[in-house]
């Protein structure tokens, strides 16, 4: 019988792995786990009945609908236009490219309150763009549309900066090979390019969505902040805190935390599934 040789797998450990792992866990605990645990423990002072009555109040449900629907819509807009902008900045050379590339990072650099004031100045009924749109019966400032505009503004860099390096590293030889085999541009994009950049695009979408859920500063200036119409969850939590209703604010915050965590977890699972399917 022929001898069967077994290959031994060697596990390589990074130098200082135990120390770096301990520091990482300690750092994450101090910044994330301990504050979130404090929020959960504080919310346990409420009975399940009281907790349920707080989070299912009509005003709270309306605020959740405004926050999640506006954030999802804004993230979808950035999903499309963020890809287009990243593609242009990576594949083309044109005058003013560096200026446009630098402008992408402006939402990271300026305070969100400043962004909200600037957007409100432009899109308000008295602003130069808002006054022009008013002639056609379109109102963007101080409405739910204003929330979407603010969320698009702060979420765009997450999509562009996540997708841009992936586009830069695409193998142009695959596109040339597909073209030589008779594929048109739509087929090349849909079957060669898009599957390669979709995981990064999904990551940018997730980051923009997660960032938008907790946005407060830019929204309150461009939204009317009317209960049941354009009141977001972070604003409702702030109002609860100003009324010294700490338990109510904790219950709403914990609910938003749980929903956001589930959505982000499902998105990460979908992203891993997409990567495995593409590499298999």
Protein backbone atom coordinates (compact mmCIF):
# COMPACT_ATOMS: atom_id res chain seq x y z
CA UNK A 1 0.00 0.00 0.00
CA UNK A 2 1.30 3.46 -0.80
CA UNK A 3 2.25 5.53 2.13
CA UNK A 4 -0.05 8.46 2.86
CA UNK A 5 1.74 11.58 3.97
CA UNK A 6 -0.13 14.09 6.06
CA UNK A 7 0.69 17.73 5.78
CA UNK A 8 1.23 19.45 9.05
CA UNK A 9 -0.36 22.84 9.44
CA UNK A 10 1.75 25.38 11.22
CA UNK A 11 -0.01 28.15 13.09
CA UNK A 12 2.01 31.32 13.06
CA UNK A 13 1.43 33.67 15.95
CA UNK A 14 2.26 37.33 15.77
CA UNK A 15 4.84 38.56 18.26
CA UNK A 16 3.17 40.03 21.30
CA UNK A 17 -0.26 38.66 20.37
CA UNK A 18 -1.38 38.18 23.96
CA UNK A 19 -0.36 41.71 24.95
CA UNK A 20 -1.96 43.36 21.90
CA UNK A 21 -5.15 41.32 22.33
CA UNK A 22 -5.40 42.34 25.96
CA UNK A 23 -4.86 46.00 25.12
CA UNK A 24 -7.45 45.82 22.32
CA UNK A 25 -10.08 44.26 24.58
CA UNK A 26 -9.35 46.76 27.35
CA UNK A 27 -9.55 49.70 24.97
CA UNK A 28 -12.83 48.50 23.42
CA UNK A 29 -14.26 47.81 26.87
CA UNK A 30 -13.52 51.32 28.11
CA UNK A 31 -14.86 53.04 25.00
CA UNK A 32 -17.72 50.77 23.89
CA UNK A 33 -18.63 47.80 26.07
CA UNK A 34 -18.73 49.48 29.49
CA UNK A 35 -20.82 52.53 28.37
CA UNK A 36 -23.26 50.28 26.50
CA UNK A 37 -23.47 47.93 29.46
CA UNK A 38 -24.25 50.89 31.71
CA UNK A 39 -27.07 51.88 29.36
CA UNK A 40 -28.49 48.36 29.42
CA UNK A 41 -28.23 48.06 33.21
CA UNK A 42 -29.88 51.44 33.73
CA UNK A 43 -32.75 50.47 31.44
CA UNK A 44 -33.36 47.31 33.50
CA UNK A 45 -34.78 49.51 36.25
CA UNK A 46 -37.92 49.57 34.15
CA UNK A 47 -40.31 46.65 34.16
CA UNK A 48 -41.01 45.01 30.82
CA UNK A 49 -44.49 46.55 30.78
CA UNK A 50 -43.19 50.07 31.40
CA UNK A 51 -40.40 49.57 28.87
CA UNK A 52 -42.89 48.38 26.24
CA UNK A 53 -45.24 51.30 26.91
CA UNK A 54 -42.40 53.79 26.39
CA UNK A 55 -41.02 52.35 23.15
CA UNK A 56 -44.44 51.72 21.60
CA UNK A 57 -45.82 55.19 22.28
CA UNK A 58 -47.15 56.76 19.04
CA UNK A 59 -44.65 59.60 19.15
CA UNK A 60 -41.72 57.21 19.64
CA UNK A 61 -42.90 54.92 16.81
CA UNK A 62 -43.22 57.94 14.52
CA UNK A 63 -39.70 59.08 15.41
CA UNK A 64 -38.31 55.62 14.62
CA UNK A 65 -40.09 55.62 11.26
CA UNK A 66 -38.67 59.03 10.38
CA UNK A 67 -35.13 58.10 11.43
CA UNK A 68 -34.89 54.71 9.75
CA UNK A 69 -36.75 55.60 6.56
CA UNK A 70 -34.77 58.82 6.05
CA UNK A 71 -31.46 57.11 6.82
CA UNK A 72 -32.19 54.21 4.50
CA UNK A 73 -33.22 56.51 1.65
CA UNK A 74 -30.10 58.67 2.10
CA UNK A 75 -27.85 55.60 2.22
CA UNK A 76 -29.39 54.29 -1.01
CA UNK A 77 -28.73 57.64 -2.70
CA UNK A 78 -25.11 57.51 -1.56
CA UNK A 79 -24.94 53.88 -2.71
CA UNK A 80 -25.58 55.02 -6.29
CA UNK A 81 -23.92 58.41 -6.49
CA UNK A 82 -21.03 57.44 -4.22
CA UNK A 83 -20.14 54.70 -6.70
CA UNK A 84 -20.34 57.13 -9.62
CA UNK A 85 -18.14 59.72 -7.89
CA UNK A 86 -15.60 57.10 -6.80
CA UNK A 87 -15.47 55.76 -10.36
CA UNK A 88 -14.89 59.21 -11.86
CA UNK A 89 -12.18 60.11 -9.34
CA UNK A 90 -10.37 56.82 -9.96
CA UNK A 91 -10.67 56.23 -13.70
CA UNK A 92 -10.58 59.73 -15.21
CA UNK A 93 -8.23 62.71 -15.23
CA UNK A 94 -9.78 66.15 -15.46
CA UNK A 95 -9.21 69.73 -14.40
CA UNK A 96 -10.11 70.31 -10.74
CA UNK A 97 -9.96 66.63 -9.80
CA UNK A 98 -7.88 67.26 -6.68
CA UNK A 99 -10.28 69.96 -5.52
CA UNK A 100 -13.25 67.63 -5.97
CA UNK A 101 -11.39 64.84 -4.22
CA UNK A 102 -10.62 67.10 -1.27
CA UNK A 103 -14.25 68.26 -1.05
CA UNK A 104 -15.35 64.67 -0.44
CA UNK A 105 -13.75 64.77 3.00
CA UNK A 106 -15.32 68.07 4.05
CA UNK A 107 -18.17 66.39 6.01
CA UNK A 108 -15.44 64.75 8.13
CA UNK A 109 -13.69 68.04 8.83
CA UNK A 110 -16.48 70.49 9.63
CA UNK A 111 -18.82 70.24 12.64
CA UNK A 112 -22.20 68.77 11.79
CA UNK A 113 -23.93 71.84 13.23
CA UNK A 114 -22.08 74.03 10.74
CA UNK A 115 -23.18 71.70 7.94
CA UNK A 116 -26.77 71.94 9.14
CA UNK A 117 -26.69 75.73 9.23
CA UNK A 118 -25.17 75.87 5.73
CA UNK A 119 -27.75 73.45 4.30
CA UNK A 120 -30.60 75.31 6.00
CA UNK A 121 -29.34 78.60 4.57
CA UNK A 122 -29.31 77.16 1.06
CA UNK A 123 -32.51 75.11 1.07
CA UNK A 124 -34.73 77.23 3.33
CA UNK A 125 -37.61 79.10 1.65
CA UNK A 126 -35.51 82.26 1.92
CA UNK A 127 -32.33 80.62 0.61
CA UNK A 128 -31.27 81.11 -3.01
CA UNK A 129 -31.89 77.48 -3.97
CA UNK A 130 -34.91 77.02 -1.71
CA UNK A 131 -36.57 80.17 -3.07
CA UNK A 132 -36.00 78.95 -6.62
CA UNK A 133 -37.55 75.55 -5.89
CA UNK A 134 -40.49 77.21 -4.14
CA UNK A 135 -41.58 78.58 -7.52
CA UNK A 136 -42.20 74.98 -8.63
CA UNK A 137 -43.92 73.98 -5.40
CA UNK A 138 -40.91 72.05 -4.09
CA UNK A 139 -39.99 72.49 -0.42
CA UNK A 140 -36.78 70.88 0.81
CA UNK A 141 -35.85 72.93 3.85
CA UNK A 142 -37.62 72.40 7.18
CA UNK A 143 -39.21 69.14 6.02
CA UNK A 144 -38.45 65.43 5.96
CA UNK A 145 -36.63 66.00 2.68
CA UNK A 146 -34.23 68.23 4.58
CA UNK A 147 -33.36 65.29 6.83
CA UNK A 148 -32.45 63.20 3.80
CA UNK A 149 -30.30 66.02 2.38
CA UNK A 150 -28.34 66.31 5.64
CA UNK A 151 -27.86 62.54 5.85
CA UNK A 152 -26.67 62.36 2.24
CA UNK A 153 -24.16 65.12 2.98
CA UNK A 154 -22.60 63.38 5.98
CA UNK A 155 -22.78 59.85 4.53
CA UNK A 156 -21.27 60.38 1.08
CA UNK A 157 -17.59 60.19 2.16
CA UNK A 158 -18.10 56.75 3.71
CA UNK A 159 -19.18 55.24 0.39
CA UNK A 160 -16.66 57.07 -1.80
CA UNK A 161 -13.64 56.40 0.40
CA UNK A 162 -14.56 52.74 0.83
CA UNK A 163 -15.11 52.00 -2.85
CA UNK A 164 -12.39 54.22 -4.32
CA UNK A 165 -9.33 52.03 -3.43
CA UNK A 166 -11.12 48.89 -4.60
CA UNK A 167 -11.80 50.43 -8.01
CA UNK A 168 -8.15 51.52 -8.21
CA UNK A 169 -6.99 47.93 -7.62
CA UNK A 170 -9.25 46.33 -10.24
CA UNK A 171 -7.40 44.27 -12.83
CA UNK A 172 -7.85 46.06 -16.14
CA UNK A 173 -6.78 42.86 -17.89
CA UNK A 174 -10.06 41.19 -16.95
CA UNK A 175 -12.01 44.02 -18.55
CA UNK A 176 -9.87 43.84 -21.68
CA UNK A 177 -10.30 40.07 -21.85
CA UNK A 178 -14.09 40.39 -21.52
CA UNK A 179 -14.12 43.05 -24.22
CA UNK A 180 -12.05 40.88 -26.56
CA UNK A 181 -14.56 38.06 -26.11
CA UNK A 182 -17.35 40.32 -27.37
CA UNK A 183 -18.84 41.61 -24.12
CA UNK A 184 -20.33 45.08 -24.26
CA UNK A 185 -19.75 47.72 -21.58
CA UNK A 186 -22.92 46.85 -19.65
CA UNK A 187 -21.93 43.17 -19.52
CA UNK A 188 -18.39 44.04 -18.42
CA UNK A 189 -19.69 46.23 -15.62
CA UNK A 190 -22.41 43.87 -14.41
CA UNK A 191 -20.41 40.63 -14.60
CA UNK A 192 -16.80 41.69 -14.07
CA UNK A 193 -16.61 45.03 -12.29
CA UNK A 194 -19.69 45.19 -10.06
CA UNK A 195 -19.22 41.75 -8.37
CA UNK A 196 -15.68 42.80 -7.43
CA UNK A 197 -16.65 46.12 -5.86
CA UNK A 198 -20.01 45.09 -4.37
CA UNK A 199 -18.61 43.97 -0.96
CA UNK A 200 -16.83 47.32 -0.54
CA UNK A 201 -19.92 49.15 -1.77
CA UNK A 202 -22.04 47.28 0.75
CA UNK A 203 -19.55 48.19 3.49
CA UNK A 204 -19.77 51.87 2.56
CA UNK A 205 -23.56 51.66 2.52
CA UNK A 206 -23.55 50.10 5.99
CA UNK A 207 -21.19 52.74 7.39
CA UNK A 208 -23.26 55.57 5.91
CA UNK A 209 -26.45 54.00 7.28
CA UNK A 210 -24.99 53.50 10.76
CA UNK A 211 -23.59 57.04 10.80
CA UNK A 212 -26.92 58.50 9.76
CA UNK A 213 -28.89 56.76 12.51
CA UNK A 214 -27.11 58.70 15.22
CA UNK A 215 -26.87 62.02 13.40
CA UNK A 216 -28.24 64.98 15.31
CA UNK A 217 -26.37 68.25 14.74
CA UNK A 218 -26.94 68.77 11.03
CA UNK A 219 -30.56 67.58 11.04
CA UNK A 220 -32.06 69.84 13.70
CA UNK A 221 -31.18 72.96 11.69
CA UNK A 222 -32.65 71.87 8.36
CA UNK A 223 -35.63 69.92 9.69
CA UNK A 224 -38.81 71.34 11.16
CA UNK A 225 -38.44 68.91 14.11
CA UNK A 226 -42.21 68.48 14.34
CA UNK A 227 -43.43 65.50 16.38
CA UNK A 228 -45.03 62.75 14.26
CA UNK A 229 -43.69 64.41 11.09
CA UNK A 230 -39.96 65.19 11.12
CA UNK A 231 -38.80 64.40 14.64
CA UNK A 232 -35.85 61.99 14.71
CA UNK A 233 -35.00 59.56 17.51
CA UNK A 234 -31.81 61.35 18.72
CA UNK A 235 -33.80 64.58 19.08
CA UNK A 236 -36.52 62.77 21.01
CA UNK A 237 -33.88 61.32 23.35
CA UNK A 238 -32.45 64.79 23.94
CA UNK A 239 -35.93 66.09 24.77
CA UNK A 240 -36.41 63.24 27.25
CA UNK A 241 -33.12 64.11 28.93
CA UNK A 242 -34.04 67.81 29.12
CA UNK A 243 -37.25 66.76 30.86
CA UNK A 244 -35.17 64.64 33.31
CA UNK A 245 -36.86 61.50 32.00
CA UNK A 246 -33.67 59.45 32.08
CA UNK A 247 -35.43 56.09 32.11
CA UNK A 248 -37.48 57.02 29.07
CA UNK A 249 -34.38 58.20 27.22
CA UNK A 250 -32.54 55.01 28.17
CA UNK A 251 -35.38 52.81 26.94
CA UNK A 252 -35.55 54.58 23.58
CA UNK A 253 -31.77 54.57 23.23
CA UNK A 254 -31.55 50.87 24.05
CA UNK A 255 -34.23 50.04 21.50
CA UNK A 256 -32.44 52.01 18.81
CA UNK A 257 -29.18 50.33 19.75
CA UNK A 258 -30.74 46.86 19.43
CA UNK A 259 -32.37 47.58 16.07
CA UNK A 260 -29.21 49.14 14.67
CA UNK A 261 -27.09 46.21 15.88
CA UNK A 262 -29.40 43.67 14.23
CA UNK A 263 -29.39 45.59 10.93
CA UNK A 264 -25.61 45.91 10.94
CA UNK A 265 -25.23 42.23 11.81
CA UNK A 266 -27.49 41.19 8.93
CA UNK A 267 -25.55 43.46 6.57
CA UNK A 268 -22.22 41.93 7.66
CA UNK A 269 -23.61 38.42 7.17
CA UNK A 270 -24.76 39.39 3.68
CA UNK A 271 -21.34 40.87 2.94
CA UNK A 272 -19.54 37.68 4.01
CA UNK A 273 -21.94 35.58 1.97
CA UNK A 274 -21.26 37.74 -1.07
CA UNK A 275 -17.50 37.40 -0.65
CA UNK A 276 -17.65 33.60 -0.27
CA UNK A 277 -19.94 33.26 -3.26
CA UNK A 278 -17.65 35.41 -5.39
CA UNK A 279 -14.49 33.49 -4.42
CA UNK A 280 -16.06 30.01 -4.71
